[in-house]
Amino acid sequence: MRLLFLNGPNANLYGLDPKGTYGRENFQDITNRCHAKALREGVTLDFRQSQSEGELVEWIQQARPEGPAPAAGIIINAAGLSYTSIAILDALLAFPGPVIEVHMSNIQKREPFRHRTYTSRAAVGSISGLGPLGYELAIEAMVGLVNA
């Protein structure tokens, strides 16, 4: 089973401000945690990050069953694009498998504009506020959804 895990703009900056919203672990640490979790779950994880909305849309489309990189499910932290990108929403809605939205911070405790996301409209469920643990839980949940 292959899972696609997408991260949007600025996710690569996680951990650079240890007192900040996203904690102390840097993006490479989180990437390593996710690959270790996927290994324990017995799945292949394609973990990617992009600053570009168009590249994220392209990767989602490529994950379709007829695409060059089919995936059983998509986990996405579209970051700031979660609140603005109808293009990402449309691509996720066109994906036939399950989608899980994940956020490092609790978006409900942040600024009001972060309380609603476009990406959640395509998601089976959302995980937020648990930091890197939420990323691992999203992988575990996706394996359960695909195997159900």
Protein backbone atom coordinates (compact mmCIF):
# COMPACT_ATOMS: atom_id res chain seq x y z
CA MET A 1 0.00 0.00 0.00
CA ARG A 2 1.32 3.42 -0.99
CA LEU A 3 0.21 6.55 0.87
CA LEU A 4 0.84 10.10 -0.28
CA PHE A 5 1.53 12.64 2.48
CA LEU A 6 1.64 16.24 1.24
CA ASN A 7 2.84 19.31 3.11
CA GLY A 8 2.26 22.84 1.90
CA PRO A 9 4.10 26.13 2.08
CA ASN A 10 6.44 26.84 4.99
CA ALA A 11 6.13 23.37 6.53
CA ASN A 12 9.86 23.06 5.85
CA LEU A 13 10.36 25.75 8.52
CA TYR A 14 8.97 23.65 11.39
CA GLY A 15 11.20 23.70 14.44
CA LEU A 16 13.14 26.81 13.53
CA ASP A 17 11.33 28.75 16.28
CA PRO A 18 11.22 26.29 19.22
CA LYS A 19 8.93 28.58 21.23
CA GLY A 20 6.64 29.05 18.24
CA THR A 21 3.39 27.44 17.23
CA TYR A 22 4.92 24.34 15.66
CA GLY A 23 7.27 23.12 18.37
CA ARG A 24 10.90 22.05 18.40
CA GLU A 25 11.08 19.23 15.88
CA ASN A 26 12.34 20.29 12.49
CA PHE A 27 10.83 19.14 9.22
CA GLN A 28 13.47 16.45 8.69
CA ASP A 29 12.78 15.03 12.17
CA ILE A 30 9.06 14.91 11.37
CA THR A 31 9.79 13.30 8.01
CA ASN A 32 11.88 10.64 9.73
CA ARG A 33 9.13 9.98 12.31
CA CYS A 34 6.58 9.53 9.55
CA HIS A 35 8.74 7.13 7.56
CA ALA A 36 9.40 5.10 10.72
CA LYS A 37 5.65 4.98 11.43
CA ALA A 38 4.93 3.87 7.85
CA LEU A 39 7.53 1.12 8.19
CA ARG A 40 5.89 -0.10 11.40
CA GLU A 41 2.50 -0.04 9.63
CA GLY A 42 3.90 -1.95 6.64
CA VAL A 43 3.13 0.73 4.06
CA THR A 44 5.10 2.80 1.60
CA LEU A 45 5.00 6.51 2.37
CA ASP A 46 5.62 9.18 -0.24
CA PHE A 47 6.22 12.24 1.98
CA ARG A 48 6.52 15.54 0.11
CA GLN A 49 6.56 19.29 0.71
CA SER A 50 6.11 22.16 -1.72
CA GLN A 51 5.77 25.91 -1.58
CA SER A 52 3.72 25.75 -4.81
CA GLU A 53 -0.04 25.29 -5.01
CA GLY A 54 0.25 24.02 -8.58
CA GLU A 55 2.79 21.37 -7.65
CA LEU A 56 0.55 20.10 -4.85
CA VAL A 57 -2.38 19.88 -7.28
CA GLU A 58 -0.20 17.99 -9.76
CA TRP A 59 0.90 15.48 -7.11
CA ILE A 60 -2.73 14.90 -6.05
CA GLN A 61 -3.74 14.25 -9.66
CA GLN A 62 -0.81 11.88 -10.16
CA ALA A 63 -2.03 9.85 -7.16
CA ARG A 64 -5.25 8.88 -8.94
CA PRO A 65 -5.46 5.17 -9.86
CA GLU A 66 -4.70 5.86 -13.54
CA GLY A 67 -1.92 8.32 -12.69
CA PRO A 68 1.81 7.72 -12.77
CA ALA A 69 2.05 7.48 -8.95
CA PRO A 70 -1.19 5.90 -7.67
CA ALA A 71 -1.85 6.06 -3.95
CA ALA A 72 -4.38 4.29 -1.75
CA GLY A 73 -4.96 7.46 0.26
CA ILE A 74 -3.79 11.04 0.70
CA ILE A 75 -2.84 12.77 3.94
CA ILE A 76 -2.46 16.51 3.53
CA ASN A 77 -1.33 19.47 5.55
CA ALA A 78 -1.82 22.15 2.92
CA ALA A 79 -0.65 24.71 5.52
CA GLY A 80 -1.71 28.25 4.54
CA LEU A 81 -3.26 26.93 1.34
CA SER A 82 -5.80 25.01 3.46
CA TYR A 83 -7.70 28.28 3.89
CA THR A 84 -7.45 29.61 0.36
CA SER A 85 -7.06 26.94 -2.31
CA ILE A 86 -10.13 25.85 -4.20
CA ALA A 87 -7.75 24.24 -6.72
CA ILE A 88 -6.40 21.88 -4.04
CA LEU A 89 -9.96 21.18 -2.87
CA ASP A 90 -11.07 20.32 -6.41
CA ALA A 91 -8.08 18.01 -6.92
CA LEU A 92 -8.78 16.24 -3.61
CA LEU A 93 -12.48 15.86 -4.48
CA ALA A 94 -11.45 14.20 -7.76
CA PHE A 95 -9.27 11.68 -5.88
CA PRO A 96 -11.30 8.47 -5.38
CA GLY A 97 -9.58 7.30 -2.18
CA PRO A 98 -9.73 8.59 1.38
CA VAL A 99 -8.21 11.92 2.35
CA ILE A 100 -7.16 12.96 5.85
CA GLU A 101 -6.39 16.59 6.69
CA VAL A 102 -3.75 17.16 9.35
CA HIS A 103 -2.41 20.30 11.05
CA MET A 104 0.41 20.61 13.57
CA SER A 105 -1.38 23.29 15.58
CA ASN A 106 -4.94 23.40 16.87
CA ILE A 107 -6.42 25.62 14.17
CA GLN A 108 -9.54 26.19 16.29
CA LYS A 109 -7.44 28.02 18.91
CA ARG A 110 -5.80 30.28 16.35
CA GLU A 111 -7.00 33.27 14.36
CA PRO A 112 -10.64 33.08 13.22
CA PHE A 113 -9.70 32.82 9.52
CA ARG A 114 -8.03 29.47 10.32
CA HIS A 115 -11.17 27.90 11.80
CA ARG A 116 -12.49 26.73 8.41
CA THR A 117 -10.48 25.04 5.72
CA TYR A 118 -11.29 24.20 2.14
CA THR A 119 -9.30 20.97 2.37
CA SER A 120 -11.52 19.63 5.17
CA ARG A 121 -14.44 19.53 2.72
CA ALA A 122 -12.67 16.69 0.88
CA ALA A 123 -11.44 14.89 3.99
CA VAL A 124 -12.87 11.87 5.75
CA GLY A 125 -11.49 13.42 8.93
CA SER A 126 -9.11 16.00 10.35
CA ILE A 127 -6.41 15.84 13.01
CA SER A 128 -5.10 19.06 14.51
CA GLY A 129 -3.23 20.30 17.53
CA LEU A 130 -1.14 17.22 18.26
CA GLY A 131 2.07 18.33 16.55
CA PRO A 132 4.18 15.58 14.98
CA LEU A 133 2.16 12.93 16.83
CA GLY A 134 -0.82 14.00 14.72
CA TYR A 135 1.17 13.18 11.61
CA GLU A 136 1.83 9.66 12.89
CA LEU A 137 -1.81 9.22 13.93
CA ALA A 138 -2.91 10.29 10.45
CA ILE A 139 -0.78 7.51 8.93
CA GLU A 140 -2.24 4.96 11.33
CA ALA A 141 -5.79 6.17 10.64
CA MET A 142 -5.26 6.06 6.87
CA VAL A 143 -4.02 2.47 7.02
CA GLY A 144 -7.17 1.59 8.96
CA LEU A 145 -9.42 3.38 6.47
CA VAL A 146 -7.85 1.75 3.43
CA ASN A 147 -7.92 -1.72 5.01
CA ALA A 148 -11.55 -1.37 6.16
